[in-house]
N, C-alpha and C. Protein backbone atom coordinates (compact mmCIF):
# COMPACT_ATOMS: atom_id res chain seq x y z
N LEU A 1 -26.24 21.00 48.51
CA LEU A 1 -25.01 20.50 47.99
C LEU A 1 -24.84 19.34 47.48
N GLU A 2 -25.24 18.44 48.02
CA GLU A 2 -25.22 17.16 47.55
C GLU A 2 -25.89 16.88 46.20
N ASN A 3 -26.89 17.58 45.97
CA ASN A 3 -27.60 17.72 44.67
C ASN A 3 -26.91 18.16 43.72
N VAL A 4 -26.09 19.22 43.81
CA VAL A 4 -25.34 19.91 43.02
C VAL A 4 -24.16 19.10 42.72
N LEU A 5 -23.56 18.29 43.51
CA LEU A 5 -22.30 17.32 43.38
C LEU A 5 -23.07 16.80 42.36
N SER A 6 -24.40 15.78 42.77
CA SER A 6 -24.85 15.06 42.07
C SER A 6 -24.88 15.25 40.41
N MET A 7 -25.32 16.36 40.45
CA MET A 7 -25.57 17.15 38.98
C MET A 7 -24.36 17.29 38.06
N LYS A 8 -23.29 17.65 38.84
CA LYS A 8 -22.09 17.86 38.34
C LYS A 8 -21.46 16.37 37.88
N VAL A 9 -21.59 15.39 38.51
CA VAL A 9 -21.13 14.12 37.97
C VAL A 9 -21.61 13.44 37.40
N PHE A 10 -23.06 13.89 36.88
CA PHE A 10 -24.09 13.54 35.99
C PHE A 10 -23.52 14.33 34.90
N GLU A 11 -23.09 15.43 34.51
CA GLU A 11 -22.64 15.94 33.62
C GLU A 11 -21.37 15.58 33.07
N VAL A 12 -20.49 15.35 34.12
CA VAL A 12 -19.08 14.98 33.86
C VAL A 12 -19.30 13.44 33.05
N ARG A 13 -20.18 12.52 33.75
CA ARG A 13 -20.11 11.33 33.24
C ARG A 13 -20.84 11.19 31.78
N LYS A 14 -21.69 12.06 31.53
CA LYS A 14 -22.38 12.27 30.31
C LYS A 14 -21.28 12.77 29.24
N SER A 15 -20.58 14.06 29.94
CA SER A 15 -19.56 14.58 28.76
C SER A 15 -18.39 13.35 28.46
N LEU A 16 -18.01 12.50 29.14
CA LEU A 16 -17.15 11.71 29.06
C LEU A 16 -17.80 10.76 28.00
N ASN A 17 -19.16 10.38 28.33
CA ASN A 17 -19.59 9.53 27.55
C ASN A 17 -19.68 9.88 26.17
N ASP A 18 -19.95 10.98 25.81
CA ASP A 18 -20.15 11.72 24.39
C ASP A 18 -18.59 11.48 24.20
N ASP A 19 -18.06 12.08 24.76
CA ASP A 19 -16.44 11.95 23.93
C ASP A 19 -16.23 10.65 23.55
N SER A 20 -16.35 9.70 24.46
CA SER A 20 -16.02 8.21 24.14
C SER A 20 -16.96 7.93 22.90
N LEU A 21 -18.08 8.29 22.52
CA LEU A 21 -19.02 7.98 21.43
C LEU A 21 -18.28 8.73 19.89
N LYS A 22 -17.91 9.84 20.15
CA LYS A 22 -16.91 10.63 19.18
C LYS A 22 -15.84 9.75 18.74
N LEU A 23 -14.91 9.50 20.01
CA LEU A 23 -13.64 8.72 19.64
C LEU A 23 -13.83 7.89 19.00
N ASP A 24 -14.96 7.05 19.32
CA ASP A 24 -15.14 5.62 18.60
C ASP A 24 -15.47 5.71 17.41
N ASP A 25 -16.62 6.48 16.91
CA ASP A 25 -16.68 6.76 15.63
C ASP A 25 -15.37 7.42 14.79
N GLU A 26 -14.56 8.05 15.27
CA GLU A 26 -13.52 8.62 14.64
C GLU A 26 -12.43 7.58 14.33
N MET A 27 -12.63 6.50 15.24
CA MET A 27 -11.54 5.32 15.42
C MET A 27 -12.05 4.67 13.91
N LYS A 28 -13.27 4.62 13.91
CA LYS A 28 -13.94 3.58 13.05
C LYS A 28 -13.87 3.93 11.57
N ARG A 29 -13.96 5.61 11.57
CA ARG A 29 -13.76 6.23 9.93
C ARG A 29 -11.98 6.15 9.77
N GLN A 30 -11.27 6.21 10.86
CA GLN A 30 -9.80 5.94 10.30
C GLN A 30 -9.32 4.70 10.18
N TYR A 31 -9.97 3.66 10.73
CA TYR A 31 -9.65 2.52 10.44
C TYR A 31 -10.39 1.86 9.01
N SER A 32 -11.58 2.53 8.84
CA SER A 32 -12.19 2.35 7.20
C SER A 32 -11.15 2.86 6.20
N HIS A 33 -10.69 4.01 6.54
CA HIS A 33 -9.81 4.73 5.55
C HIS A 33 -8.37 4.19 5.56
N GLN A 34 -7.93 3.71 6.52
CA GLN A 34 -6.45 3.15 6.57
C GLN A 34 -6.86 1.48 5.67
N LYS A 35 -7.77 0.90 6.02
CA LYS A 35 -8.23 -0.44 5.11
C LYS A 35 -8.16 0.05 3.65
N ALA A 36 -8.83 1.00 3.41
CA ALA A 36 -8.95 1.36 1.99
C ALA A 36 -7.71 1.38 1.45
N GLU A 37 -6.66 2.46 2.01
CA GLU A 37 -5.39 2.56 1.74
C GLU A 37 -4.45 1.77 1.69
N ASN A 38 -4.57 0.69 2.75
CA ASN A 38 -3.93 -0.68 2.41
C ASN A 38 -4.05 -1.53 1.10
N THR A 39 -5.32 -1.67 1.16
CA THR A 39 -5.60 -2.36 -0.23
C THR A 39 -5.23 -1.76 -1.33
N ARG A 40 -5.34 -0.16 -2.10
CA ARG A 40 -4.75 0.34 -2.75
C ARG A 40 -3.40 0.37 -2.76
N LEU A 41 -2.54 0.51 -1.62
CA LEU A 41 -1.39 0.14 -1.97
C LEU A 41 -1.08 -1.39 -2.24
N GLN A 42 -1.79 -2.23 -1.68
CA GLN A 42 -1.44 -3.77 -2.07
C GLN A 42 -1.54 -3.84 -3.60
N GLN A 43 -2.59 -3.37 -4.13
CA GLN A 43 -3.04 -2.90 -5.73
C GLN A 43 -1.66 -2.91 -6.64
N GLN A 44 -1.15 -1.65 -5.98
CA GLN A 44 -0.12 -0.88 -6.41
C GLN A 44 1.42 -1.97 -6.50
N ILE A 45 1.34 -2.47 -5.43
CA ILE A 45 2.43 -3.38 -5.36
C ILE A 45 2.50 -4.55 -6.17
N SER A 46 1.17 -5.22 -6.52
CA SER A 46 1.15 -6.29 -7.00
C SER A 46 1.23 -5.96 -8.60
N GLN A 47 0.87 -4.47 -8.98
CA GLN A 47 0.81 -4.08 -10.19
C GLN A 47 2.60 -3.79 -10.57
N ILE A 48 3.31 -3.46 -9.52
CA ILE A 48 4.57 -3.39 -9.93
C ILE A 48 5.26 -4.65 -9.98
N LYS A 49 5.13 -5.51 -9.06
CA LYS A 49 5.55 -6.34 -9.27
C LYS A 49 5.31 -7.30 -10.63
N ASN A 50 4.20 -7.45 -11.20
CA ASN A 50 3.79 -7.80 -12.56
C ASN A 50 4.85 -7.24 -13.76
N GLU A 51 4.98 -5.76 -13.72
CA GLU A 51 5.92 -4.75 -14.28
C GLU A 51 7.25 -5.47 -14.29
N LYS A 52 7.44 -5.62 -13.09
CA LYS A 52 9.12 -5.79 -13.04
C LYS A 52 9.24 -7.44 -13.36
N THR A 53 8.25 -8.09 -13.53
CA THR A 53 8.24 -9.48 -14.07
C THR A 53 8.57 -9.50 -15.55
N SER A 54 7.71 -8.90 -16.15
CA SER A 54 7.32 -8.35 -17.51
C SER A 54 9.00 -7.52 -17.80
N LEU A 55 9.27 -6.77 -17.30
CA LEU A 55 10.71 -6.14 -17.82
C LEU A 55 11.62 -7.09 -17.52
N GLN A 56 11.68 -8.19 -16.57
CA GLN A 56 12.60 -9.29 -16.66
C GLN A 56 12.87 -10.08 -17.74
N GLN A 57 11.59 -10.55 -18.29
CA GLN A 57 11.42 -11.09 -19.26
C GLN A 57 12.00 -10.55 -20.54
N GLU A 58 11.72 -9.32 -20.81
CA GLU A 58 12.01 -8.63 -21.91
C GLU A 58 13.59 -8.45 -22.04
N LEU A 59 14.37 -8.22 -20.65
CA LEU A 59 15.80 -8.09 -20.40
C LEU A 59 16.30 -9.50 -21.29
N LEU A 60 15.52 -10.37 -20.44
CA LEU A 60 16.46 -11.85 -20.73
C LEU A 60 16.07 -11.99 -22.33
N ALA A 61 15.03 -11.63 -23.10
CA ALA A 61 14.97 -12.07 -24.43
C ALA A 61 16.20 -11.03 -25.17
N LEU A 62 16.33 -9.79 -24.60
CA LEU A 62 17.33 -9.09 -25.47
C LEU A 62 18.50 -9.40 -25.13
N GLN A 63 18.83 -9.88 -23.68
CA GLN A 63 20.23 -10.51 -23.67
C GLN A 63 20.55 -11.66 -24.56
N ARG A 64 19.67 -12.12 -24.78
CA ARG A 64 19.69 -13.88 -25.73
C ARG A 64 19.91 -13.01 -27.13
N ARG A 65 19.24 -11.91 -27.74
CA ARG A 65 19.39 -11.47 -28.68
C ARG A 65 20.72 -10.94 -29.26
N ILE A 66 21.29 -10.44 -28.02
CA ILE A 66 22.63 -9.55 -27.90
C ILE A 66 23.60 -10.83 -28.35
N ALA A 67 23.53 -11.85 -27.71
CA ALA A 67 24.23 -13.20 -27.72
C ALA A 67 24.41 -13.69 -28.91
N GLU A 68 22.99 -13.84 -29.61
CA GLU A 68 22.94 -14.23 -30.70
C GLU A 68 23.83 -13.32 -31.92
N LEU A 69 23.55 -11.92 -31.73
CA LEU A 69 24.16 -11.12 -32.90
C LEU A 69 25.70 -11.05 -32.26
N GLU A 70 26.41 -11.31 -31.35
CA GLU A 70 27.60 -11.47 -31.17
C GLU A 70 28.05 -12.64 -31.73
N LEU A 71 27.48 -13.53 -31.69
CA LEU A 71 27.78 -14.64 -31.94
C LEU A 71 27.97 -14.88 -33.86
N GLN A 72 26.91 -14.26 -34.46
CA GLN A 72 26.75 -13.80 -35.60
C GLN A 72 27.88 -12.97 -36.37
N LEU A 73 28.09 -12.03 -35.83
CA LEU A 73 29.28 -11.07 -35.95
C LEU A 73 30.68 -11.91 -36.09
N GLY A 74 30.76 -12.72 -34.95
CA GLY A 74 32.13 -13.49 -34.77
C GLY A 74 31.86 -14.56 -36.08
N ASN A 75 30.96 -15.09 -36.06
CA ASN A 75 31.02 -15.78 -37.41
C ASN A 75 31.17 -15.02 -38.43
N ASP A 76 30.95 -13.92 -38.89
CA ASP A 76 31.31 -13.07 -39.87
C ASP A 76 32.46 -12.59 -40.00
N ASP A 77 32.94 -12.22 -39.09
CA ASP A 77 34.61 -11.73 -38.52
C ASP A 77 35.63 -13.09 -39.34
N ASP A 78 35.24 -14.29 -38.88
CA ASP A 78 36.22 -15.46 -39.28
C ASP A 78 35.95 -15.84 -40.92
N MET A 79 34.64 -15.33 -41.25
CA MET A 79 34.78 -15.47 -42.70
C MET A 79 35.65 -14.54 -43.62
N ASN A 80 35.62 -13.36 -43.20
CA ASN A 80 36.24 -12.24 -44.13
C ASN A 80 38.01 -12.55 -43.77
């Protein structure tokens, strides 16, 4: 009986150890995948920020141009 119980304990320990190793491998794989995803998202965020800055600069230039045109139109109206 003692020998049978010892074998069962050995089998359970081996099974738990195998499961632990599988889980560890899965965690490492998931961690690697998440790290790559985080890097990809950070690159997208940087690209979007750059696009936003560019669009803000274009908007400012257009607003200045509109102000210039309005000023010119106002001067033209004053002459007529």
